[in-house]
Amino acid sequence: MIKRVLRYAYSHIDGPLLSIATLLMLVGLAALYSASGANAERVGAQAVNILVALLVMWGVANISPERLLRFAVPIYLVGIILLLGVAAFGEISKGARRWLDLGVTRIQPSELMKIAVPLLLAWYFDRYEETLRLRHFATAFLLLIIPVGLIALQPDLGTALMIAASGLYVLFLAGINWKVLIGAFIAVGAAIPIAWPLLHDYQRQRIFTMLDPTQDPLGAGYHTIQSTIALGSGGVLGKGWLNGTQAHLNFLPEPTTDFIFAVFSEEFGLLGNLVIMTLFLLVIARGLYIASNAPTLSTRLLAGAISLTFFTYVFVNMGMVSGILPVVGVPLPLISYGGTSLVTILLGFGILMSIQTNKKLVQT
């Protein structure tokens, strides 16, 4: 009886993806313990977040892709309504209006859109697979730009860019004409002078800081300077676990969340970075493998978008910490402290597992 229950529980779990993700989360717990100053309570809270996220992943993995796609429109509409609710009634924290208080709990609706947008666009393109025209891509772009615009106005530029990336990946994988893509890039470039005055002062400052962090070393450039010092001071082998100085002497800002990669780099060095980047690449490769073998257009688009969005998260965070990208507040997936982003990432992995295991069932 127990074996039967365990066999059923594992039947919709993709072993390789779960194994690599678990290794990354264990690395994250070790890095968090050091970054938090050996705070066992904080590590315990993250362990609870991991368990909740794994349960969400398992639940989603046991729902067929066809059933998930049926909920694409309702989930998207609920997300838009919640974003409008944030704009009207959301709580203001640190100068941004991102949270919605439902009485029982607070939610951040922008996190829901990270899954809702690619899910809706995959459903939309699958519906018109046989008759795809430029107007369909234009409609899809409109469906994408609405939540991106609402989130950017909060303001939360980092999340807005991540959701924009997830939607653009679907458009690209759906086969949008390369001439349209080139035209879009040219239009974006031409719009920069118009968009520049619309940015908040702190957003413009982040771009200036990326170009030259030393212009304000104790202010806007402090984050970038301290994180790059941590990256370089680790050398090849690192200073050893719990022996990093930048985080432990409080030079490094946000060491448990956005800048946890700097803590890891200082303590485990270049060798540790190569290991963790290899694990990230294996996750991305597994996701793209699942996408390439998906049985329908919608599941291919959805799996591809989830995998490439995960890559974008990793690239943006590491680029931000190393100073080659502006600081936009994007956590390192599966490593940084936080429950909301972890649940979102593993929910995406659950969708990948659903696509993979249901493909096997169809074939057999």
Protein backbone atom coordinates (compact mmCIF):
# COMPACT_ATOMS: atom_id res chain seq x y z
CA MET A 1 0.00 0.00 0.00
CA ILE A 2 2.76 2.44 0.97
CA LYS A 3 4.74 1.56 -2.16
CA ARG A 4 1.65 2.19 -4.28
CA VAL A 5 1.11 5.62 -2.69
CA LEU A 6 4.78 6.54 -3.16
CA ARG A 7 4.71 5.33 -6.77
CA TYR A 8 1.65 7.48 -7.46
CA ALA A 9 3.14 10.51 -5.70
CA TYR A 10 6.31 10.24 -7.81
CA SER A 11 4.63 9.28 -11.09
CA HIS A 12 4.31 12.89 -12.27
CA ILE A 13 7.66 14.10 -10.96
CA ASP A 14 10.58 14.58 -13.33
CA GLY A 15 13.55 13.06 -11.49
CA PRO A 16 16.40 14.98 -13.17
CA LEU A 17 14.72 18.37 -12.77
CA LEU A 18 13.80 17.73 -9.13
CA SER A 19 17.31 16.47 -8.30
CA ILE A 20 19.09 19.51 -9.74
CA ALA A 21 16.60 21.95 -8.19
CA THR A 22 17.01 20.27 -4.80
CA LEU A 23 20.80 20.58 -5.00
CA LEU A 24 20.45 24.29 -5.77
CA MET A 25 18.05 24.82 -2.86
CA LEU A 26 20.44 23.03 -0.48
CA VAL A 27 23.24 25.30 -1.72
CA GLY A 28 20.89 28.21 -1.09
CA LEU A 29 20.29 27.13 2.52
CA ALA A 30 24.05 26.88 3.14
CA ALA A 31 24.64 30.31 1.58
CA LEU A 32 21.72 31.78 3.54
CA TYR A 33 23.09 30.44 6.84
CA SER A 34 26.33 32.28 6.21
CA ALA A 35 24.76 35.43 4.73
CA SER A 36 22.35 35.78 7.68
CA GLY A 37 25.13 35.52 10.26
CA ALA A 38 24.34 31.91 11.21
CA ASN A 39 20.68 32.79 11.84
CA ALA A 40 19.08 29.36 12.23
CA GLU A 41 15.58 30.87 12.49
CA ARG A 42 15.90 32.51 9.08
CA VAL A 43 17.21 29.30 7.56
CA GLY A 44 14.32 27.41 9.15
CA ALA A 45 11.84 29.87 7.65
CA GLN A 46 13.38 29.31 4.23
CA ALA A 47 13.19 25.54 4.73
CA VAL A 48 9.45 25.94 5.36
CA ASN A 49 9.22 28.04 2.18
CA ILE A 50 10.93 25.22 0.29
CA LEU A 51 8.50 22.62 1.61
CA VAL A 52 5.49 24.76 0.66
CA ALA A 53 6.95 25.41 -2.80
CA LEU A 54 7.63 21.68 -3.32
CA LEU A 55 4.02 20.89 -2.41
CA VAL A 56 2.82 23.49 -4.93
CA MET A 57 5.15 21.98 -7.55
CA TRP A 58 3.84 18.47 -6.84
CA GLY A 59 0.23 19.62 -7.03
CA VAL A 60 0.72 21.39 -10.37
CA ALA A 61 2.73 18.46 -11.75
CA ASN A 62 -0.31 16.24 -11.19
CA ILE A 63 -2.56 18.50 -13.29
CA SER A 64 -2.53 17.78 -17.01
CA PRO A 65 -1.33 20.58 -19.34
CA GLU A 66 -4.71 20.60 -21.07
CA ARG A 67 -6.47 21.30 -17.79
CA LEU A 68 -3.93 24.00 -16.88
CA LEU A 69 -4.50 25.74 -20.21
CA ARG A 70 -8.25 25.81 -19.58
CA PHE A 71 -7.57 28.12 -16.66
CA ALA A 72 -5.28 30.43 -18.67
CA VAL A 73 -7.90 33.14 -19.33
CA PRO A 74 -9.43 33.17 -15.80
CA ILE A 75 -5.99 33.30 -14.14
CA TYR A 76 -4.92 36.16 -16.42
CA LEU A 77 -8.12 38.13 -15.79
CA VAL A 78 -7.87 37.63 -12.02
CA GLY A 79 -4.25 38.82 -12.19
CA ILE A 80 -5.24 41.99 -14.08
CA ILE A 81 -8.05 42.71 -11.59
CA LEU A 82 -5.62 42.25 -8.69
CA LEU A 83 -3.08 44.58 -10.36
CA LEU A 84 -5.81 47.21 -10.76
CA GLY A 85 -6.61 46.65 -7.08
CA VAL A 86 -2.98 47.29 -6.21
CA ALA A 87 -3.03 50.54 -8.21
CA ALA A 88 -6.17 51.69 -6.37
CA PHE A 89 -5.81 50.24 -2.86
CA GLY A 90 -2.32 48.73 -2.61
CA GLU A 91 -0.01 49.26 0.35
CA ILE A 92 2.91 51.61 -0.14
CA SER A 93 6.26 50.30 1.08
CA LYS A 94 9.68 51.85 0.35
CA GLY A 95 8.08 54.23 -2.16
CA ALA A 96 6.37 51.50 -4.20
CA ARG A 97 2.78 50.22 -4.28
CA ARG A 98 3.16 46.48 -4.89
CA TRP A 99 1.18 44.63 -2.20
CA LEU A 100 -2.54 44.06 -1.80
CA ASP A 101 -3.93 43.44 1.69
CA LEU A 102 -6.76 40.88 1.55
CA GLY A 103 -7.37 40.98 5.30
CA VAL A 104 -6.20 37.43 5.95
CA THR A 105 -2.89 37.86 4.14
CA ARG A 106 -0.95 40.16 1.81
CA ILE A 107 -0.26 39.15 -1.78
CA GLN A 108 1.93 40.51 -4.56
CA PRO A 109 -0.17 40.04 -7.73
CA SER A 110 2.80 40.70 -10.02
CA GLU A 111 4.17 37.28 -9.02
CA LEU A 112 1.01 35.61 -10.36
CA MET A 113 1.56 37.25 -13.75
CA LYS A 114 4.95 35.55 -14.14
CA ILE A 115 3.02 32.35 -14.82
CA ALA A 116 -0.28 33.80 -16.05
CA VAL A 117 1.24 35.68 -19.01
CA PRO A 118 3.13 32.79 -20.70
CA LEU A 119 0.21 30.46 -19.89
CA LEU A 120 -2.28 32.76 -21.62
CA LEU A 121 -0.08 33.44 -24.65
CA ALA A 122 0.64 29.72 -25.10
CA TRP A 123 -3.11 29.03 -24.99
CA TYR A 124 -3.78 31.89 -27.44
CA PHE A 125 -1.24 30.79 -30.06
CA ASP A 126 -2.34 27.16 -29.79
CA ARG A 127 -5.92 28.25 -30.49
CA TYR A 128 -4.87 29.94 -33.76
CA GLU A 129 -2.05 27.53 -34.67
CA GLU A 130 -3.37 26.82 -38.17
CA THR A 131 -4.11 30.44 -39.09
CA LEU A 132 -1.38 32.50 -37.38
CA ARG A 133 -1.09 35.97 -38.88
CA LEU A 134 0.62 39.21 -37.88
CA ARG A 135 -2.60 40.41 -36.21
CA HIS A 136 -2.42 37.49 -33.80
CA PHE A 137 1.08 38.54 -32.72
CA ALA A 138 -0.17 42.12 -32.34
CA THR A 139 -3.01 40.93 -30.09
CA ALA A 140 -0.59 38.81 -28.07
CA PHE A 141 1.70 41.81 -27.63
CA LEU A 142 -1.24 43.85 -26.34
CA LEU A 143 -2.12 41.11 -23.85
CA LEU A 144 1.51 41.23 -22.70
CA ILE A 145 1.92 44.99 -22.47
CA ILE A 146 -1.14 45.53 -20.22
CA PRO A 147 0.24 43.71 -17.12
CA VAL A 148 3.79 44.90 -17.85
CA GLY A 149 2.60 48.51 -17.88
CA LEU A 150 0.57 48.12 -14.67
CA ILE A 151 3.56 46.59 -12.86
CA ALA A 152 6.00 49.19 -14.17
CA LEU A 153 3.74 51.92 -12.74
CA GLN A 154 3.95 50.47 -9.20
CA PRO A 155 6.95 51.01 -9.82
CA ASP A 156 8.58 47.56 -10.07
CA LEU A 157 10.79 47.70 -13.14
CA GLY A 158 12.60 44.43 -12.36
CA THR A 159 9.42 42.32 -12.24
CA ALA A 160 7.98 44.17 -15.24
CA LEU A 161 11.07 43.31 -17.29
CA MET A 162 10.92 39.65 -16.23
CA ILE A 163 7.27 39.34 -17.25
CA ALA A 164 7.98 41.15 -20.51
CA ALA A 165 10.79 38.67 -21.19
CA SER A 166 8.54 35.66 -20.50
CA GLY A 167 5.94 36.97 -22.95
CA LEU A 168 8.46 37.91 -25.63
CA TYR A 169 9.93 34.40 -25.43
CA VAL A 170 6.49 32.98 -26.29
CA LEU A 171 6.18 35.36 -29.25
CA PHE A 172 9.65 34.38 -30.47
CA LEU A 173 9.04 30.64 -30.09
CA ALA A 174 5.66 30.98 -31.81
CA GLY A 175 7.51 32.02 -34.95
CA ILE A 176 7.20 35.77 -35.20
CA ASN A 177 8.82 37.08 -38.37
CA TRP A 178 12.43 38.20 -37.90
CA LYS A 179 11.69 41.40 -39.85
CA VAL A 180 9.07 42.31 -37.24
CA LEU A 181 11.60 41.63 -34.48
CA ILE A 182 14.21 43.89 -36.11
CA GLY A 183 11.59 46.59 -36.57
CA ALA A 184 10.57 46.27 -32.92
CA PHE A 185 14.19 46.62 -31.73
CA ILE A 186 14.62 49.72 -33.90
CA ALA A 187 11.37 51.17 -32.51
CA VAL A 188 12.50 50.51 -28.94
CA GLY A 189 15.82 52.21 -29.64
CA ALA A 190 14.07 55.22 -31.15
CA ALA A 191 11.72 55.43 -28.16
CA ILE A 192 14.53 55.64 -25.58
CA PRO A 193 14.77 59.47 -25.70
CA ILE A 194 11.00 59.64 -25.19
CA ALA A 195 10.95 57.05 -22.38
CA TRP A 196 13.96 58.49 -20.52
CA PRO A 197 12.07 61.43 -18.91
CA LEU A 198 9.31 59.02 -17.84
CA LEU A 199 11.71 57.00 -15.67
CA HIS A 200 11.85 57.70 -11.95
CA ASP A 201 14.92 59.51 -10.67
CA TYR A 202 16.20 56.38 -8.91
CA GLN A 203 15.80 54.34 -12.10
CA ARG A 204 17.87 56.81 -14.12
CA GLN A 205 20.43 56.86 -11.30
CA ARG A 206 20.75 53.07 -11.48
CA ILE A 207 21.70 53.28 -15.14
CA PHE A 208 24.29 55.98 -14.43
CA THR A 209 25.62 53.87 -11.56
CA MET A 210 26.00 50.83 -13.80
CA LEU A 211 28.13 52.90 -16.19
CA ASP A 212 30.28 54.39 -13.39
CA PRO A 213 29.58 53.24 -9.80
CA THR A 214 32.52 55.28 -8.48
CA GLN A 215 30.69 58.57 -9.14
CA ASP A 216 28.79 58.01 -5.87
CA PRO A 217 30.71 55.33 -3.93
CA LEU A 218 28.89 55.86 -0.63
CA GLY A 219 25.44 56.32 -2.18
CA ALA A 220 23.99 54.93 -5.39
CA GLY A 221 27.19 53.08 -6.33
CA TYR A 222 27.68 51.44 -2.94
CA HIS A 223 25.78 48.22 -3.77
CA THR A 224 27.69 47.59 -6.98
CA ILE A 225 31.13 48.44 -5.55
CA GLN A 226 30.74 46.21 -2.49
CA SER A 227 29.34 43.27 -4.46
CA THR A 228 32.18 43.39 -7.02
CA ILE A 229 34.71 43.54 -4.16
CA ALA A 230 33.12 40.39 -2.71
CA LEU A 231 33.21 38.66 -6.11
CA GLY A 232 36.90 39.41 -6.62
CA SER A 233 38.06 38.74 -3.07
CA GLY A 234 36.94 35.10 -3.27
CA GLY A 235 39.71 34.27 -5.73
CA VAL A 236 39.79 30.80 -7.23
CA LEU A 237 38.93 28.67 -4.19
CA GLY A 238 37.18 31.22 -1.96
CA LYS A 239 37.70 32.14 1.68
CA GLY A 240 35.70 29.19 2.96
CA TRP A 241 32.17 28.78 4.24
CA LEU A 242 31.29 31.31 6.99
CA ASN A 243 34.61 33.11 6.42
CA GLY A 244 33.47 35.84 4.03
CA THR A 245 34.19 39.37 5.23
CA GLN A 246 31.99 41.58 3.03
CA ALA A 247 28.73 40.13 4.37
CA HIS A 248 29.85 39.36 7.91
CA LEU A 249 31.26 42.85 8.45
CA ASN A 250 28.04 44.37 7.02
CA PHE A 251 29.64 45.90 3.94
CA LEU A 252 27.40 43.96 1.55
CA PRO A 253 23.78 45.21 1.21
CA GLU A 254 20.87 42.73 1.09
CA PRO A 255 23.18 39.71 1.54
CA THR A 256 20.35 37.18 1.99
CA THR A 257 18.26 38.23 -1.01
CA ASP A 258 19.42 40.12 -4.12
CA PHE A 259 23.15 39.93 -3.36
CA ILE A 260 23.45 36.40 -1.98
CA PHE A 261 25.49 35.42 -5.04
CA ALA A 262 28.21 37.82 -3.89
CA VAL A 263 28.29 36.07 -0.50
CA PHE A 264 28.56 32.68 -2.18
CA SER A 265 31.29 33.89 -4.56
CA GLU A 266 33.42 35.29 -1.76
CA GLU A 267 33.27 32.08 0.25
CA PHE A 268 33.50 29.50 -2.56
CA GLY A 269 35.42 31.43 -5.22
CA LEU A 270 35.57 30.83 -8.94
CA LEU A 271 35.34 27.06 -8.50
CA GLY A 272 32.11 27.35 -6.53
CA ASN A 273 30.70 29.74 -9.13
CA LEU A 274 31.44 27.26 -11.90
CA VAL A 275 29.64 24.53 -9.96
CA ILE A 276 26.53 26.60 -9.28
CA MET A 277 26.41 27.92 -12.87
CA THR A 278 26.69 24.35 -14.15
CA LEU A 279 23.67 23.40 -12.02
CA PHE A 280 21.71 26.36 -13.39
CA LEU A 281 22.65 25.39 -16.95
CA LEU A 282 21.49 21.82 -16.29
CA VAL A 283 18.09 23.12 -15.13
CA ILE A 284 17.77 25.26 -18.26
CA ALA A 285 18.91 22.40 -20.50
CA ARG A 286 16.39 20.03 -18.92
CA GLY A 287 13.61 22.57 -19.41
CA LEU A 288 14.51 23.11 -23.07
CA TYR A 289 14.70 19.33 -23.56
CA ILE A 290 11.16 19.02 -22.20
CA ALA A 291 10.08 21.87 -24.50
CA SER A 292 11.63 20.25 -27.57
CA ASN A 293 9.79 16.99 -26.88
CA ALA A 294 6.45 18.50 -25.91
CA PRO A 295 3.55 17.05 -27.94
CA THR A 296 1.60 20.25 -28.74
CA LEU A 297 2.33 23.84 -29.73
CA SER A 298 0.96 25.23 -26.46
CA THR A 299 3.10 22.96 -24.28
CA ARG A 300 6.21 23.68 -26.38
CA LEU A 301 5.68 27.42 -26.05
CA LEU A 302 4.93 27.19 -22.33
CA ALA A 303 7.89 24.94 -21.49
CA GLY A 304 10.26 27.01 -23.62
CA ALA A 305 9.12 30.29 -22.05
CA ILE A 306 9.45 28.93 -18.50
CA SER A 307 12.97 27.63 -19.20
CA LEU A 308 14.20 30.81 -20.89
CA THR A 309 12.64 33.01 -18.21
CA PHE A 310 14.53 31.01 -15.57
CA PHE A 311 17.71 31.72 -17.56
CA THR A 312 16.82 35.42 -17.59
CA TYR A 313 16.42 35.46 -13.80
CA VAL A 314 19.85 33.91 -13.33
CA PHE A 315 21.53 36.15 -15.92
CA VAL A 316 20.00 39.37 -14.60
CA ASN A 317 20.85 38.63 -10.96
CA MET A 318 24.44 37.62 -11.70
CA GLY A 319 24.84 40.57 -14.08
CA MET A 320 23.45 42.91 -11.43
CA VAL A 321 25.80 41.60 -8.73
CA SER A 322 28.84 41.74 -11.03
CA GLY A 323 28.05 45.30 -12.15
CA ILE A 324 27.33 44.69 -15.84
CA LEU A 325 23.59 45.36 -15.40
CA PRO A 326 21.68 47.93 -13.32
CA VAL A 327 20.47 46.95 -9.85
CA VAL A 328 16.82 46.03 -10.42
CA GLY A 329 15.99 43.88 -7.41
CA VAL A 330 15.80 40.44 -9.06
CA PRO A 331 16.56 37.51 -6.68
CA LEU A 332 18.78 34.57 -7.60
CA PRO A 333 16.27 31.74 -8.23
CA LEU A 334 16.28 28.84 -5.75
CA ILE A 335 19.12 30.49 -3.79
CA SER A 336 17.89 33.86 -2.47
CA TYR A 337 15.74 34.07 0.66
CA GLY A 338 12.03 34.53 0.02
CA GLY A 339 8.91 32.44 -0.29
CA THR A 340 6.95 34.17 -3.06
CA SER A 341 9.62 33.93 -5.75
CA LEU A 342 10.47 30.37 -4.72
CA VAL A 343 6.85 29.26 -5.04
CA THR A 344 6.62 30.92 -8.46
CA ILE A 345 9.78 29.20 -9.72
CA LEU A 346 8.75 25.73 -8.48
CA LEU A 347 5.23 26.25 -9.80
CA GLY A 348 6.86 26.72 -13.20
CA PHE A 349 8.88 23.54 -12.65
CA GLY A 350 5.63 21.75 -11.81
CA ILE A 351 4.25 22.80 -15.20
CA LEU A 352 7.41 21.47 -16.88
CA MET A 353 6.97 18.14 -15.04
CA SER A 354 3.31 17.97 -16.04
CA ILE A 355 4.27 18.48 -19.70
CA GLN A 356 7.03 15.85 -19.52
CA THR A 357 5.13 13.12 -17.67
CA ASN A 358 1.90 13.57 -19.63
CA LYS A 359 3.94 13.26 -22.83
CA LYS A 360 5.11 9.88 -21.62
CA LEU A 361 1.56 8.81 -20.83
CA VAL A 362 0.40 9.81 -24.32
CA GLN A 363 3.23 7.87 -25.96
CA THR A 364 2.56 4.71 -24.01
